[in-house]
C-alpha cells in the first residue's frame, strides 16, 4: 500500500522518525507532500506481529503517537 516513500516512526528506549527528504518538504518541524494521501497505518510489534488500519477513502485523518 506504500507509495515507496513512507514515514516510519520507531519507538523503544527512544523515538526515531524517518522519511525521504525529497518527498516531504518543510520547515519548523512540519513536513508536507501535497500529492500524498494516507492510505493505511501499519504497526509492527517487536515479535513481528503486524496490525494494519485502513484510513478513510479520502485520506483525511490524523495519526497521533503519544510518548511517555
N, C-alpha and C. Protein backbone atom coordinates (compact mmCIF):
# COMPACT_ATOMS: atom_id res chain seq x y z
N UNK A 1 0.80 -1.19 0.00
CA UNK A 1 0.00 0.00 0.00
C UNK A 1 0.85 1.26 0.00
N UNK A 2 2.14 1.12 0.27
CA UNK A 2 3.01 2.28 0.36
C UNK A 2 3.35 2.82 -1.01
N UNK A 3 3.56 4.13 -1.08
CA UNK A 3 3.98 4.74 -2.34
C UNK A 3 5.49 4.64 -2.53
N UNK A 4 6.16 3.90 -1.66
CA UNK A 4 7.60 3.76 -1.75
C UNK A 4 8.35 4.77 -0.91
N UNK A 5 7.67 5.78 -0.40
CA UNK A 5 8.28 6.80 0.44
C UNK A 5 7.49 6.98 1.73
N UNK A 6 7.39 5.93 2.56
CA UNK A 6 6.59 6.04 3.77
C UNK A 6 7.29 6.86 4.84
N UNK A 7 6.53 7.32 5.80
CA UNK A 7 7.07 7.92 7.02
C UNK A 7 7.12 6.78 8.03
N UNK A 8 8.29 6.58 8.66
CA UNK A 8 8.46 5.47 9.60
C UNK A 8 8.80 6.04 10.97
N UNK A 9 8.03 5.67 11.98
CA UNK A 9 8.27 6.08 13.36
C UNK A 9 8.61 4.82 14.14
N UNK A 10 9.78 4.82 14.78
CA UNK A 10 10.23 3.67 15.55
C UNK A 10 10.34 4.06 17.01
N UNK A 11 9.80 3.25 17.90
CA UNK A 11 9.86 3.53 19.33
C UNK A 11 10.53 2.40 20.08
N UNK A 12 10.90 2.67 21.27
CA UNK A 12 11.56 1.72 22.17
C UNK A 12 12.10 2.55 23.31
N UNK A 13 13.41 2.52 23.51
CA UNK A 13 14.03 3.38 24.52
C UNK A 13 14.15 4.82 24.04
N UNK A 14 13.91 5.03 22.75
CA UNK A 14 13.92 6.37 22.16
C UNK A 14 12.93 6.39 21.01
N UNK A 15 12.78 7.52 20.35
CA UNK A 15 11.86 7.65 19.22
C UNK A 15 12.65 8.13 18.01
N UNK A 16 12.48 7.46 16.87
CA UNK A 16 13.14 7.83 15.62
C UNK A 16 12.08 8.07 14.56
N UNK A 17 12.24 9.13 13.79
CA UNK A 17 11.34 9.46 12.70
C UNK A 17 12.13 9.46 11.41
N UNK A 18 11.72 8.65 10.43
CA UNK A 18 12.41 8.55 9.15
C UNK A 18 11.46 8.92 8.02
N UNK A 19 11.96 9.68 7.06
CA UNK A 19 11.20 9.97 5.85
C UNK A 19 12.17 10.42 4.77
N UNK A 20 11.74 10.33 3.52
CA UNK A 20 12.58 10.73 2.39
C UNK A 20 12.45 12.24 2.20
N UNK A 21 13.54 12.95 2.44
CA UNK A 21 13.51 14.42 2.39
C UNK A 21 13.12 14.95 1.02
N UNK A 22 13.37 14.18 -0.04
CA UNK A 22 12.98 14.65 -1.38
C UNK A 22 11.47 14.58 -1.59
N UNK A 23 10.77 13.77 -0.79
CA UNK A 23 9.32 13.63 -0.92
C UNK A 23 8.55 14.54 0.01
N UNK A 24 9.18 14.96 1.12
CA UNK A 24 8.50 15.77 2.12
C UNK A 24 9.32 17.04 2.37
N UNK A 25 8.80 18.17 1.96
CA UNK A 25 9.49 19.43 2.18
C UNK A 25 8.85 20.16 3.36
N UNK A 26 9.60 21.01 4.03
CA UNK A 26 9.01 21.72 5.14
C UNK A 26 9.96 22.59 5.90
N UNK A 27 9.45 23.08 7.01
CA UNK A 27 10.22 23.93 7.90
C UNK A 27 9.56 23.94 9.26
N UNK A 28 10.29 24.37 10.26
CA UNK A 28 9.79 24.45 11.63
C UNK A 28 9.22 23.13 12.14
N UNK A 29 9.81 22.01 11.74
CA UNK A 29 9.37 20.72 12.23
C UNK A 29 8.13 20.15 11.58
N UNK A 30 7.58 20.82 10.56
CA UNK A 30 6.41 20.32 9.85
C UNK A 30 6.80 20.03 8.41
N UNK A 31 6.46 18.84 7.93
CA UNK A 31 6.84 18.42 6.59
C UNK A 31 5.59 18.02 5.82
N UNK A 32 5.60 18.23 4.52
CA UNK A 32 4.39 18.15 3.72
C UNK A 32 4.69 17.53 2.36
N UNK A 33 3.75 16.75 1.85
CA UNK A 33 3.79 16.26 0.48
C UNK A 33 2.40 16.50 -0.09
N UNK A 34 2.27 17.51 -0.96
CA UNK A 34 0.95 17.89 -1.46
C UNK A 34 0.29 16.82 -2.31
N UNK A 35 1.05 15.83 -2.77
CA UNK A 35 0.49 14.77 -3.61
C UNK A 35 0.23 13.49 -2.82
N UNK A 36 0.61 13.47 -1.53
CA UNK A 36 0.44 12.27 -0.73
C UNK A 36 -0.93 12.19 -0.09
N UNK A 37 -1.39 10.97 0.16
CA UNK A 37 -2.65 10.75 0.85
C UNK A 37 -2.46 9.53 1.74
N UNK A 38 -2.85 9.61 3.00
CA UNK A 38 -2.71 8.48 3.92
C UNK A 38 -3.65 7.36 3.46
N UNK A 39 -3.07 6.17 3.25
CA UNK A 39 -3.87 5.02 2.83
C UNK A 39 -4.12 4.07 4.00
N UNK A 40 -3.10 3.86 4.83
CA UNK A 40 -3.26 2.97 5.98
C UNK A 40 -2.16 3.26 6.99
N UNK A 41 -2.36 2.76 8.20
CA UNK A 41 -1.38 2.86 9.27
C UNK A 41 -1.02 1.43 9.65
N UNK A 42 0.27 1.14 9.67
CA UNK A 42 0.73 -0.21 9.97
C UNK A 42 1.60 -0.18 11.22
N UNK A 43 1.27 -1.03 12.20
CA UNK A 43 2.05 -1.13 13.43
C UNK A 43 2.61 -2.54 13.50
N UNK A 44 3.93 -2.64 13.64
CA UNK A 44 4.60 -3.93 13.79
C UNK A 44 5.25 -3.97 15.16
N UNK A 45 4.88 -4.95 15.99
CA UNK A 45 5.48 -5.03 17.32
C UNK A 45 6.80 -5.78 17.26
N UNK A 46 7.47 -5.90 18.41
CA UNK A 46 8.80 -6.50 18.43
C UNK A 46 8.80 -8.01 18.21
N UNK A 47 7.61 -8.61 18.11
CA UNK A 47 7.54 -10.03 17.78
C UNK A 47 7.30 -10.25 16.28
N UNK A 48 7.08 -9.14 15.55
CA UNK A 48 6.82 -9.22 14.12
C UNK A 48 5.34 -9.23 13.76
N UNK A 49 4.47 -9.19 14.79
CA UNK A 49 3.03 -9.15 14.52
C UNK A 49 2.65 -7.80 13.93
N UNK A 50 1.90 -7.82 12.84
CA UNK A 50 1.52 -6.60 12.13
C UNK A 50 0.03 -6.34 12.30
N UNK A 51 -0.31 -5.10 12.63
CA UNK A 51 -1.70 -4.64 12.67
C UNK A 51 -1.81 -3.52 11.66
N UNK A 52 -2.77 -3.62 10.74
CA UNK A 52 -2.97 -2.60 9.73
C UNK A 52 -4.36 -1.99 9.88
N UNK A 53 -4.41 -0.67 9.85
CA UNK A 53 -5.67 0.05 9.94
C UNK A 53 -5.82 0.85 8.66
N UNK A 54 -6.90 0.64 7.92
CA UNK A 54 -7.15 1.41 6.71
C UNK A 54 -7.61 2.81 7.08
N UNK A 55 -7.09 3.80 6.38
CA UNK A 55 -7.52 5.19 6.57
C UNK A 55 -8.82 5.40 5.79
N UNK A 56 -9.54 6.47 6.08
CA UNK A 56 -10.74 6.78 5.28
C UNK A 56 -10.36 6.91 3.80
N UNK A 57 -11.28 6.64 2.93
CA UNK A 57 -11.01 6.67 1.48
C UNK A 57 -10.44 8.00 1.02
N UNK A 58 -10.84 9.09 1.65
CA UNK A 58 -10.33 10.40 1.24
C UNK A 58 -8.98 10.72 1.85
N UNK A 59 -8.46 9.84 2.72
CA UNK A 59 -7.15 10.02 3.33
C UNK A 59 -7.12 11.03 4.47
N UNK A 60 -8.27 11.64 4.78
CA UNK A 60 -8.30 12.67 5.82
C UNK A 60 -8.39 12.04 7.20
N UNK A 61 -7.26 12.06 7.90
CA UNK A 61 -7.21 11.54 9.26
C UNK A 61 -5.96 12.08 9.92
N UNK A 62 -5.87 11.92 11.22
CA UNK A 62 -4.70 12.33 11.97
C UNK A 62 -4.17 11.11 12.71
N UNK A 63 -2.88 10.87 12.62
CA UNK A 63 -2.23 9.79 13.36
C UNK A 63 -1.46 10.45 14.49
N UNK A 64 -1.80 10.12 15.72
CA UNK A 64 -1.15 10.72 16.88
C UNK A 64 -0.38 9.64 17.63
N UNK A 65 0.88 9.89 17.88
CA UNK A 65 1.74 8.98 18.63
C UNK A 65 1.96 9.62 20.00
N UNK A 66 1.48 8.98 21.06
CA UNK A 66 1.68 9.50 22.40
C UNK A 66 2.98 8.93 22.97
N UNK A 67 3.80 9.79 23.56
CA UNK A 67 5.10 9.41 24.11
C UNK A 67 5.03 9.47 25.63
N UNK A 68 5.62 8.48 26.31
CA UNK A 68 5.65 8.54 27.78
C UNK A 68 6.96 9.10 28.24
